[in-house]
């Protein structure tokens, strides 16, 4: 694709300009929605990204020993679910997760449920950013600061949607090369199972009322041994390593963006 020369001018003064990849793919952000996965599935995601020396931001749904130990190169944010459950007290749900991860600076709501009321709660609980805006495969993703001073990030790709759309297990239909924030998102169960469809993941996980406690011996036989979504993700990480693309934590980008208005 021919790059638009005016982008640098349009984004001039934005402290995240270089992270918008105005000229070529130089910076990406890897994220993961934990979605109540057991620790061995979370570990699989972290092991793979560590193999390539990548940073990753993990959005936690529950206390996980793996995440509480905060491995090197891992930022932990929170992933509250405001869409279901007997407890409809949004404030309480956020408080519980923030107490489990007191150093968390950001959030992404499960199913991207977010409004002005959630922004108000994010501010109340000392959060600095949110990444609940999903614009599938859209270029020109940016960050903006809302009325509460919360930095709002857009992400453009995730594993489950790729599978739901029936796309080939390649990057040919994903607009990786075009300018904008390149925030990728994966889920531990899809990566652990190496699924070729989201239905495969649901078939396995729906058996468990408490997925975090699912025995590894029961999940392991369900792992797809052929090419699957994990191979696709690894292909991205291989490119990151080969081409010297930099990876970043969302919290660090939020700090830069917030600093521009200090």
C-alpha atoms as a PDB file:
ATOM      1  CA  UNK A   1       0.000   0.000   0.000  1.00  0.00           C
ATOM      2  CA  UNK A   2       1.223   3.521  -0.815  1.00  0.00           C
ATOM      3  CA  UNK A   3       1.530   5.526   2.400  1.00  0.00           C
ATOM      4  CA  UNK A   4      -0.295   8.815   2.729  1.00  0.00           C
ATOM      5  CA  UNK A   5       2.373  11.526   3.215  1.00  0.00           C
ATOM      6  CA  UNK A   6       0.044  13.816   5.181  1.00  0.00           C
ATOM      7  CA  UNK A   7      -0.347  11.453   8.140  1.00  0.00           C
ATOM      8  CA  UNK A   8       2.695  12.751   9.982  1.00  0.00           C
ATOM      9  CA  UNK A   9       1.298  16.268   9.607  1.00  0.00           C
ATOM     10  CA  UNK A  10      -2.178  15.237  10.783  1.00  0.00           C
ATOM     11  CA  UNK A  11      -0.765  13.478  13.833  1.00  0.00           C
ATOM     12  CA  UNK A  12       1.906  16.112  14.493  1.00  0.00           C
ATOM     13  CA  UNK A  13       2.073  16.912  18.205  1.00  0.00           C
ATOM     14  CA  UNK A  14       0.540  13.593  19.259  1.00  0.00           C
ATOM     15  CA  UNK A  15       3.055  11.916  21.596  1.00  0.00           C
ATOM     16  CA  UNK A  16       2.024   8.541  20.191  1.00  0.00           C
ATOM     17  CA  UNK A  17       2.807   9.459  16.581  1.00  0.00           C
ATOM     18  CA  UNK A  18       5.520   6.832  16.157  1.00  0.00           C
ATOM     19  CA  UNK A  19       3.237   4.160  17.646  1.00  0.00           C
ATOM     20  CA  UNK A  20       0.692   4.920  14.899  1.00  0.00           C
ATOM     21  CA  UNK A  21       3.138   3.425  12.359  1.00  0.00           C
ATOM     22  CA  UNK A  22       2.825   6.300   9.848  1.00  0.00           C
ATOM     23  CA  UNK A  23       5.499   4.902   7.513  1.00  0.00           C
ATOM     24  CA  UNK A  24       5.781   1.169   8.143  1.00  0.00           C
ATOM     25  CA  UNK A  25       5.060  -1.460  10.790  1.00  0.00           C
ATOM     26  CA  UNK A  26       7.465  -0.551  13.587  1.00  0.00           C
ATOM     27  CA  UNK A  27       5.382  -0.838  16.783  1.00  0.00           C
ATOM     28  CA  UNK A  28       2.694  -3.263  17.945  1.00  0.00           C
ATOM     29  CA  UNK A  29       0.876  -3.918  21.202  1.00  0.00           C
ATOM     30  CA  UNK A  30       0.023  -7.467  22.239  1.00  0.00           C
ATOM     31  CA  UNK A  31      -2.896  -7.982  24.620  1.00  0.00           C
ATOM     32  CA  UNK A  32      -4.759 -10.948  26.071  1.00  0.00           C
ATOM     33  CA  UNK A  33      -8.229 -11.243  27.636  1.00  0.00           C
ATOM     34  CA  UNK A  34      -7.838 -13.953  30.274  1.00  0.00           C
ATOM     35  CA  UNK A  35     -11.572 -14.840  30.381  1.00  0.00           C
ATOM     36  CA  UNK A  36     -11.369 -17.097  33.473  1.00  0.00           C
ATOM     37  CA  UNK A  37      -8.823 -19.439  31.908  1.00  0.00           C
ATOM     38  CA  UNK A  38      -6.883 -21.875  34.134  1.00  0.00           C
ATOM     39  CA  UNK A  39      -3.316 -20.940  34.971  1.00  0.00           C
ATOM     40  CA  UNK A  40      -1.773 -23.533  32.645  1.00  0.00           C
ATOM     41  CA  UNK A  41      -3.549 -21.911  29.677  1.00  0.00           C
ATOM     42  CA  UNK A  42      -2.395 -18.442  30.777  1.00  0.00           C
ATOM     43  CA  UNK A  43       1.131 -19.810  31.103  1.00  0.00           C
ATOM     44  CA  UNK A  44       0.999 -21.057  27.513  1.00  0.00           C
ATOM     45  CA  UNK A  45       0.335 -17.534  26.238  1.00  0.00           C
ATOM     46  CA  UNK A  46       3.133 -16.096  28.366  1.00  0.00           C
ATOM     47  CA  UNK A  47       5.595 -18.823  27.386  1.00  0.00           C
ATOM     48  CA  UNK A  48       5.021 -18.234  23.684  1.00  0.00           C
ATOM     49  CA  UNK A  49       5.443 -14.449  23.850  1.00  0.00           C
ATOM     50  CA  UNK A  50       8.555 -14.878  26.078  1.00  0.00           C
ATOM     51  CA  UNK A  51      10.110 -17.102  23.414  1.00  0.00           C
ATOM     52  CA  UNK A  52      10.156 -14.054  21.129  1.00  0.00           C
ATOM     53  CA  UNK A  53      10.998 -11.467  23.803  1.00  0.00           C
ATOM     54  CA  UNK A  54       7.659  -9.671  23.430  1.00  0.00           C
ATOM     55  CA  UNK A  55       5.874  -7.509  25.970  1.00  0.00           C
ATOM     56  CA  UNK A  56       2.193  -8.183  26.594  1.00  0.00           C
ATOM     57  CA  UNK A  57      -0.701  -6.604  28.510  1.00  0.00           C
ATOM     58  CA  UNK A  58      -2.924  -9.190  30.238  1.00  0.00           C
ATOM     59  CA  UNK A  59      -6.510  -8.277  31.140  1.00  0.00           C
ATOM     60  CA  UNK A  60      -7.381 -10.350  34.211  1.00  0.00           C
ATOM     61  CA  UNK A  61     -10.868 -11.593  35.069  1.00  0.00           C
ATOM     62  CA  UNK A  62      -9.940 -13.317  38.334  1.00  0.00           C
ATOM     63  CA  UNK A  63      -7.016 -13.784  40.738  1.00  0.00           C
ATOM     64  CA  UNK A  64      -4.422 -15.909  38.950  1.00  0.00           C
ATOM     65  CA  UNK A  65      -1.205 -17.007  40.600  1.00  0.00           C
ATOM     66  CA  UNK A  66       0.599 -16.694  37.281  1.00  0.00           C
ATOM     67  CA  UNK A  67      -0.451 -13.059  36.891  1.00  0.00           C
ATOM     68  CA  UNK A  68      -0.082 -12.149  40.547  1.00  0.00           C
ATOM     69  CA  UNK A  69       3.565 -13.211  40.265  1.00  0.00           C
ATOM     70  CA  UNK A  70       3.945 -10.608  37.449  1.00  0.00           C
ATOM     71  CA  UNK A  71       6.466 -12.270  35.099  1.00  0.00           C
ATOM     72  CA  UNK A  72       8.993 -10.012  33.371  1.00  0.00           C
ATOM     73  CA  UNK A  73       7.590  -8.258  30.340  1.00  0.00           C
ATOM     74  CA  UNK A  74       3.992  -8.657  31.514  1.00  0.00           C
ATOM     75  CA  UNK A  75       1.644  -5.815  32.416  1.00  0.00           C
ATOM     76  CA  UNK A  76      -1.530  -6.809  34.251  1.00  0.00           C
ATOM     77  CA  UNK A  77      -4.724  -4.798  33.796  1.00  0.00           C
ATOM     78  CA  UNK A  78      -8.284  -5.756  34.760  1.00  0.00           C
ATOM     79  CA  UNK A  79     -11.111  -7.268  32.692  1.00  0.00           C
ATOM     80  CA  UNK A  80     -14.389  -6.806  34.595  1.00  0.00           C
ATOM     81  CA  UNK A  81     -17.592  -8.409  33.320  1.00  0.00           C
ATOM     82  CA  UNK A  82     -20.554  -6.039  33.582  1.00  0.00           C
ATOM     83  CA  UNK A  83     -22.791  -8.077  31.269  1.00  0.00           C
ATOM     84  CA  UNK A  84     -23.852 -11.038  33.396  1.00  0.00           C
ATOM     85  CA  UNK A  85     -23.974 -12.528  36.864  1.00  0.00           C
ATOM     86  CA  UNK A  86     -26.212 -11.951  39.848  1.00  0.00           C
ATOM     87  CA  UNK A  87     -24.176  -8.975  41.036  1.00  0.00           C
ATOM     88  CA  UNK A  88     -25.153  -5.946  38.958  1.00  0.00           C
ATOM     89  CA  UNK A  89     -23.112  -3.564  41.113  1.00  0.00           C
ATOM     90  CA  UNK A  90     -20.526  -2.332  38.600  1.00  0.00           C
ATOM     91  CA  UNK A  91     -18.581  -0.496  41.290  1.00  0.00           C
ATOM     92  CA  UNK A  92     -18.254  -3.658  43.376  1.00  0.00           C
ATOM     93  CA  UNK A  93     -17.083  -5.731  40.430  1.00  0.00           C
ATOM     94  CA  UNK A  94     -14.377  -3.228  39.611  1.00  0.00           C
ATOM     95  CA  UNK A  95     -13.359  -2.863  43.250  1.00  0.00           C
ATOM     96  CA  UNK A  96     -12.862  -6.629  43.655  1.00  0.00           C
ATOM     97  CA  UNK A  97     -10.560  -6.855  40.652  1.00  0.00           C
ATOM     98  CA  UNK A  98      -8.641  -3.700  41.559  1.00  0.00           C
ATOM     99  CA  UNK A  99      -8.033  -5.105  45.042  1.00  0.00           C
ATOM    100  CA  UNK A 100      -6.721  -8.328  43.497  1.00  0.00           C
ATOM    101  CA  UNK A 101      -4.416  -6.340  41.177  1.00  0.00           C
ATOM    102  CA  UNK A 102      -3.731  -3.057  43.004  1.00  0.00           C
ATOM    103  CA  UNK A 103      -1.010  -2.006  40.552  1.00  0.00           C
ATOM    104  CA  UNK A 104      -3.305  -2.307  37.537  1.00  0.00           C
ATOM    105  CA  UNK A 105      -3.448   0.961  35.599  1.00  0.00           C
ATOM    106  CA  UNK A 106      -5.942  -0.001  32.934  1.00  0.00           C
ATOM    107  CA  UNK A 107      -8.941  -2.065  31.966  1.00  0.00           C
ATOM    108  CA  UNK A 108     -10.867  -3.646  29.135  1.00  0.00           C
ATOM    109  CA  UNK A 109     -14.466  -4.588  29.851  1.00  0.00           C
ATOM    110  CA  UNK A 110     -15.552  -8.100  28.953  1.00  0.00           C
ATOM    111  CA  UNK A 111     -17.502  -7.941  25.679  1.00  0.00           C
ATOM    112  CA  UNK A 112     -16.322  -4.318  25.447  1.00  0.00           C
ATOM    113  CA  UNK A 113     -19.185  -3.058  27.610  1.00  0.00           C
ATOM    114  CA  UNK A 114     -18.233   0.558  28.275  1.00  0.00           C
ATOM    115  CA  UNK A 115     -20.029   3.881  28.724  1.00  0.00           C
ATOM    116  CA  UNK A 116     -19.698   7.142  30.605  1.00  0.00           C
ATOM    117  CA  UNK A 117     -20.659   5.392  33.846  1.00  0.00           C
ATOM    118  CA  UNK A 118     -17.799   2.910  33.436  1.00  0.00           C
ATOM    119  CA  UNK A 119     -15.401   5.757  32.694  1.00  0.00           C
ATOM    120  CA  UNK A 120     -16.548   7.411  35.932  1.00  0.00           C
ATOM    121  CA  UNK A 121     -15.784   4.206  37.840  1.00  0.00           C
ATOM    122  CA  UNK A 122     -12.417   3.821  36.150  1.00  0.00           C
ATOM    123  CA  UNK A 123     -11.474   7.270  37.366  1.00  0.00           C
ATOM    124  CA  UNK A 124     -12.798   6.520  40.862  1.00  0.00           C
ATOM    125  CA  UNK A 125     -10.618   3.406  41.103  1.00  0.00           C
ATOM    126  CA  UNK A 126      -7.486   5.169  39.904  1.00  0.00           C
ATOM    127  CA  UNK A 127      -7.302   3.675  36.422  1.00  0.00           C
ATOM    128  CA  UNK A 128      -5.584   5.575  33.633  1.00  0.00           C
ATOM    129  CA  UNK A 129      -6.673   3.815  30.442  1.00  0.00           C
ATOM    130  CA  UNK A 130      -9.265   1.614  28.794  1.00  0.00           C
ATOM    131  CA  UNK A 131      -9.025  -0.607  25.707  1.00  0.00           C
ATOM    132  CA  UNK A 132     -12.683  -1.548  25.211  1.00  0.00           C
ATOM    133  CA  UNK A 133     -13.056  -0.086  21.722  1.00  0.00           C
ATOM    134  CA  UNK A 134     -12.856  -2.814  19.065  1.00  0.00           C
ATOM    135  CA  UNK A 135     -12.758  -1.735  15.416  1.00  0.00           C
ATOM    136  CA  UNK A 136     -12.199  -4.935  13.473  1.00  0.00           C
ATOM    137  CA  UNK A 137      -9.478  -4.622  10.845  1.00  0.00           C
ATOM    138  CA  UNK A 138      -9.757  -0.822  10.687  1.00  0.00           C
ATOM    139  CA  UNK A 139      -6.680   1.309   9.922  1.00  0.00           C
ATOM    140  CA  UNK A 140      -5.809   4.641  11.558  1.00  0.00           C
ATOM    141  CA  UNK A 141      -6.487   3.462  15.131  1.00  0.00           C
ATOM    142  CA  UNK A 142      -5.524   6.145  17.641  1.00  0.00           C
ATOM    143  CA  UNK A 143      -5.753   6.959  21.342  1.00  0.00           C
ATOM    144  CA  UNK A 144      -7.884   9.736  22.766  1.00  0.00           C
ATOM    145  CA  UNK A 145      -8.441  11.149  26.245  1.00  0.00           C
ATOM    146  CA  UNK A 146     -12.033  11.211  27.485  1.00  0.00           C
ATOM    147  CA  UNK A 147     -13.788  13.633  29.835  1.00  0.00           C
ATOM    148  CA  UNK A 148     -12.407  11.810  32.894  1.00  0.00           C
ATOM    149  CA  UNK A 149      -8.822  11.848  31.677  1.00  0.00           C
ATOM    150  CA  UNK A 150      -8.995   8.147  30.771  1.00  0.00           C
ATOM    151  CA  UNK A 151      -6.939   7.250  27.696  1.00  0.00           C
ATOM    152  CA  UNK A 152      -9.147   5.252  25.329  1.00  0.00           C
ATOM    153  CA  UNK A 153      -7.385   2.814  22.984  1.00  0.00           C
ATOM    154  CA  UNK A 154      -8.837   1.041  19.960  1.00  0.00           C
ATOM    155  CA  UNK A 155      -7.775  -2.481  19.039  1.00  0.00           C
ATOM    156  CA  UNK A 156      -8.238  -3.943  15.588  1.00  0.00           C
ATOM    157  CA  UNK A 157      -7.705  -7.729  15.653  1.00  0.00           C
ATOM    158  CA  UNK A 158      -8.508 -10.648  17.915  1.00  0.00           C
ATOM    159  CA  UNK A 159      -8.306 -14.397  17.538  1.00  0.00           C
ATOM    160  CA  UNK A 160     -11.936 -15.308  18.233  1.00  0.00           C
ATOM    161  CA  UNK A 161     -13.347 -12.848  15.700  1.00  0.00           C
ATOM    162  CA  UNK A 162     -10.858 -14.013  13.071  1.00  0.00           C
ATOM    163  CA  UNK A 163     -12.164 -17.550  13.546  1.00  0.00           C
ATOM    164  CA  UNK A 164     -15.837 -16.548  13.716  1.00  0.00           C
ATOM    165  CA  UNK A 165     -15.473 -14.799  10.356  1.00  0.00           C
ATOM    166  CA  UNK A 166     -14.107 -17.991   8.821  1.00  0.00           C
ATOM    167  CA  UNK A 167     -10.948 -16.284   7.587  1.00  0.00           C
ATOM    168  CA  UNK A 168      -7.962 -18.356   6.468  1.00  0.00           C
ATOM    169  CA  UNK A 169      -5.255 -18.985   9.041  1.00  0.00           C
ATOM    170  CA  UNK A 170      -3.033 -16.336   7.496  1.00  0.00           C
ATOM    171  CA  UNK A 171      -2.620 -12.563   7.762  1.00  0.00           C
ATOM    172  CA  UNK A 172      -3.457 -11.850   4.121  1.00  0.00           C
ATOM    173  CA  UNK A 173      -6.904 -10.378   4.896  1.00  0.00           C
ATOM    174  CA  UNK A 174      -5.760  -8.407   7.956  1.00  0.00           C
ATOM    175  CA  UNK A 175      -4.647  -4.819   7.427  1.00  0.00           C
ATOM    176  CA  UNK A 176      -1.416  -5.132   9.374  1.00  0.00           C
ATOM    177  CA  UNK A 177       0.552  -2.939   6.981  1.00  0.00           C
ATOM    178  CA  UNK A 178      -1.664   0.143   7.141  1.00  0.00           C
ATOM    179  CA  UNK A 179      -1.030   3.054   9.550  1.00  0.00           C
ATOM    180  CA  UNK A 180      -2.554   3.237  13.004  1.00  0.00           C
ATOM    181  CA  UNK A 181      -2.283   1.534  16.369  1.00  0.00           C
ATOM    182  CA  UNK A 182      -1.779  -2.186  15.897  1.00  0.00           C
ATOM    183  CA  UNK A 183      -3.239  -3.705  19.048  1.00  0.00           C
ATOM    184  CA  UNK A 184      -3.706  -7.476  18.775  1.00  0.00           C
ATOM    185  CA  UNK A 185      -5.764  -9.521  21.229  1.00  0.00           C
ATOM    186  CA  UNK A 186      -5.786 -13.243  22.039  1.00  0.00           C
ATOM    187  CA  UNK A 187      -7.485 -15.522  24.577  1.00  0.00           C
ATOM    188  CA  UNK A 188      -5.684 -18.232  26.583  1.00  0.00           C
ATOM    189  CA  UNK A 189      -8.180 -21.008  25.861  1.00  0.00           C
ATOM    190  CA  UNK A 190      -8.078 -20.442  22.107  1.00  0.00           C
ATOM    191  CA  UNK A 191      -4.280 -20.391  22.199  1.00  0.00           C
ATOM    192  CA  UNK A 192      -4.013 -23.445  24.473  1.00  0.00           C
ATOM    193  CA  UNK A 193      -6.480 -25.443  22.356  1.00  0.00           C
ATOM    194  CA  UNK A 194      -4.971 -24.145  19.095  1.00  0.00           C
ATOM    195  CA  UNK A 195      -8.549 -23.938  17.859  1.00  0.00           C
ATOM    196  CA  UNK A 196      -9.608 -23.722  14.226  1.00  0.00           C
ATOM    197  CA  UNK A 197     -13.065 -22.391  15.174  1.00  0.00           C
ATOM    198  CA  UNK A 198     -14.605 -20.599  18.126  1.00  0.00           C
ATOM    199  CA  UNK A 199     -17.157 -23.409  18.309  1.00  0.00           C
ATOM    200  CA  UNK A 200     -14.318 -25.772  19.232  1.00  0.00           C
ATOM    201  CA  UNK A 201     -13.365 -23.535  22.145  1.00  0.00           C
ATOM    202  CA  UNK A 202     -16.978 -23.237  23.325  1.00  0.00           C
ATOM    203  CA  UNK A 203     -17.529 -26.997  23.105  1.00  0.00           C
ATOM    204  CA  UNK A 204     -14.632 -27.569  25.491  1.00  0.00           C
ATOM    205  CA  UNK A 205     -15.122 -24.674  27.922  1.00  0.00           C
ATOM    206  CA  UNK A 206     -18.915 -24.987  28.269  1.00  0.00           C
ATOM    207  CA  UNK A 207     -18.460 -28.168  30.287  1.00  0.00           C
ATOM    208  CA  UNK A 208     -17.102 -26.241  33.254  1.00  0.00           C
ATOM    209  CA  UNK A 209     -18.936 -23.978  35.659  1.00  0.00           C
ATOM    210  CA  UNK A 210     -15.558 -22.835  36.971  1.00  0.00           C
ATOM    211  CA  UNK A 211     -13.246 -22.833  33.960  1.00  0.00           C
ATOM    212  CA  UNK A 212     -10.269 -21.681  36.042  1.00  0.00           C
ATOM    213  CA  UNK A 213     -10.427 -25.020  37.878  1.00  0.00           C
ATOM    214  CA  UNK A 214     -10.704 -27.201  34.754  1.00  0.00           C
ATOM    215  CA  UNK A 215      -8.205 -30.084  35.081  1.00  0.00           C
ATOM    216  CA  UNK A 216      -5.407 -30.022  32.556  1.00  0.00           C
ATOM    217  CA  UNK A 217      -5.747 -33.776  32.009  1.00  0.00           C
ATOM    218  CA  UNK A 218      -9.276 -33.199  30.689  1.00  0.00           C
ATOM    219  CA  UNK A 219      -8.406 -30.257  28.451  1.00  0.00           C
ATOM    220  CA  UNK A 220      -5.189 -31.605  26.943  1.00  0.00           C
ATOM    221  CA  UNK A 221      -6.853 -34.301  24.763  1.00  0.00           C
ATOM    222  CA  UNK A 222      -8.928 -31.559  23.120  1.00  0.00           C
ATOM    223  CA  UNK A 223      -5.891 -29.649  21.815  1.00  0.00           C
ATOM    224  CA  UNK A 224      -5.808 -29.370  18.030  1.00  0.00           C
ATOM    225  CA  UNK A 225      -2.513 -30.839  16.761  1.00  0.00           C
ATOM    226  CA  UNK A 226      -2.768 -29.420  13.236  1.00  0.00           C
ATOM    227  CA  UNK A 227      -2.463 -25.811  12.087  1.00  0.00           C
ATOM    228  CA  UNK A 228      -4.668 -23.559  14.186  1.00  0.00           C
ATOM    229  CA  UNK A 229      -5.017 -20.076  15.630  1.00  0.00           C
ATOM    230  CA  UNK A 230      -1.877 -20.494  17.761  1.00  0.00           C
ATOM    231  CA  UNK A 231       0.216 -21.049  14.651  1.00  0.00           C
ATOM    232  CA  UNK A 232      -1.216 -17.844  13.180  1.00  0.00           C
ATOM    233  CA  UNK A 233      -0.319 -15.865  16.317  1.00  0.00           C
ATOM    234  CA  UNK A 234       3.173 -17.368  16.420  1.00  0.00           C
ATOM    235  CA  UNK A 235       3.630 -16.280  12.815  1.00  0.00           C
ATOM    236  CA  UNK A 236       3.019 -12.687  13.907  1.00  0.00           C
ATOM    237  CA  UNK A 237       5.540 -13.005  16.740  1.00  0.00           C
ATOM    238  CA  UNK A 238       8.099 -14.463  14.358  1.00  0.00           C
ATOM    239  CA  UNK A 239       7.696 -11.433  12.123  1.00  0.00           C
ATOM    240  CA  UNK A 240       8.039  -9.115  15.114  1.00  0.00           C
ATOM    241  CA  UNK A 241      11.322 -10.787  16.031  1.00  0.00           C
ATOM    242  CA  UNK A 242      12.697 -11.017  12.487  1.00  0.00           C
ATOM    243  CA  UNK A 243      11.893  -7.428  11.493  1.00  0.00           C
ATOM    244  CA  UNK A 244      12.800  -5.840  14.819  1.00  0.00           C
ATOM    245  CA  UNK A 245       9.272  -4.570  15.445  1.00  0.00           C
ATOM    246  CA  UNK A 246       8.937  -3.152  18.964  1.00  0.00           C
ATOM    247  CA  UNK A 247       6.282  -4.286  21.442  1.00  0.00           C
ATOM    248  CA  UNK A 248       4.884  -2.122  24.229  1.00  0.00           C
ATOM    249  CA  UNK A 249       2.635  -2.157  27.278  1.00  0.00           C
ATOM    250  CA  UNK A 250      -0.555  -0.163  27.032  1.00  0.00           C
ATOM    251  CA  UNK A 251       0.191   1.456  30.379  1.00  0.00           C
ATOM    252  CA  UNK A 252       3.372   3.007  28.992  1.00  0.00           C
ATOM    253  CA  UNK A 253       1.549   4.435  25.977  1.00  0.00           C
ATOM    254  CA  UNK A 254      -1.177   5.795  28.255  1.00  0.00           C
ATOM    255  CA  UNK A 255       1.463   7.532  30.365  1.00  0.00           C
ATOM    256  CA  UNK A 256       2.896   9.211  27.265  1.00  0.00           C
ATOM    257  CA  UNK A 257      -0.537  10.283  26.075  1.00  0.00           C
ATOM    258  CA  UNK A 258      -1.592  11.625  29.484  1.00  0.00           C
ATOM    259  CA  UNK A 259       1.697  13.473  29.793  1.00  0.00           C
ATOM    260  CA  UNK A 260       0.814  15.503  26.721  1.00  0.00           C
ATOM    261  CA  UNK A 261      -2.041  17.169  28.629  1.00  0.00           C
ATOM    262  CA  UNK A 262      -0.296  17.551  31.981  1.00  0.00           C
END
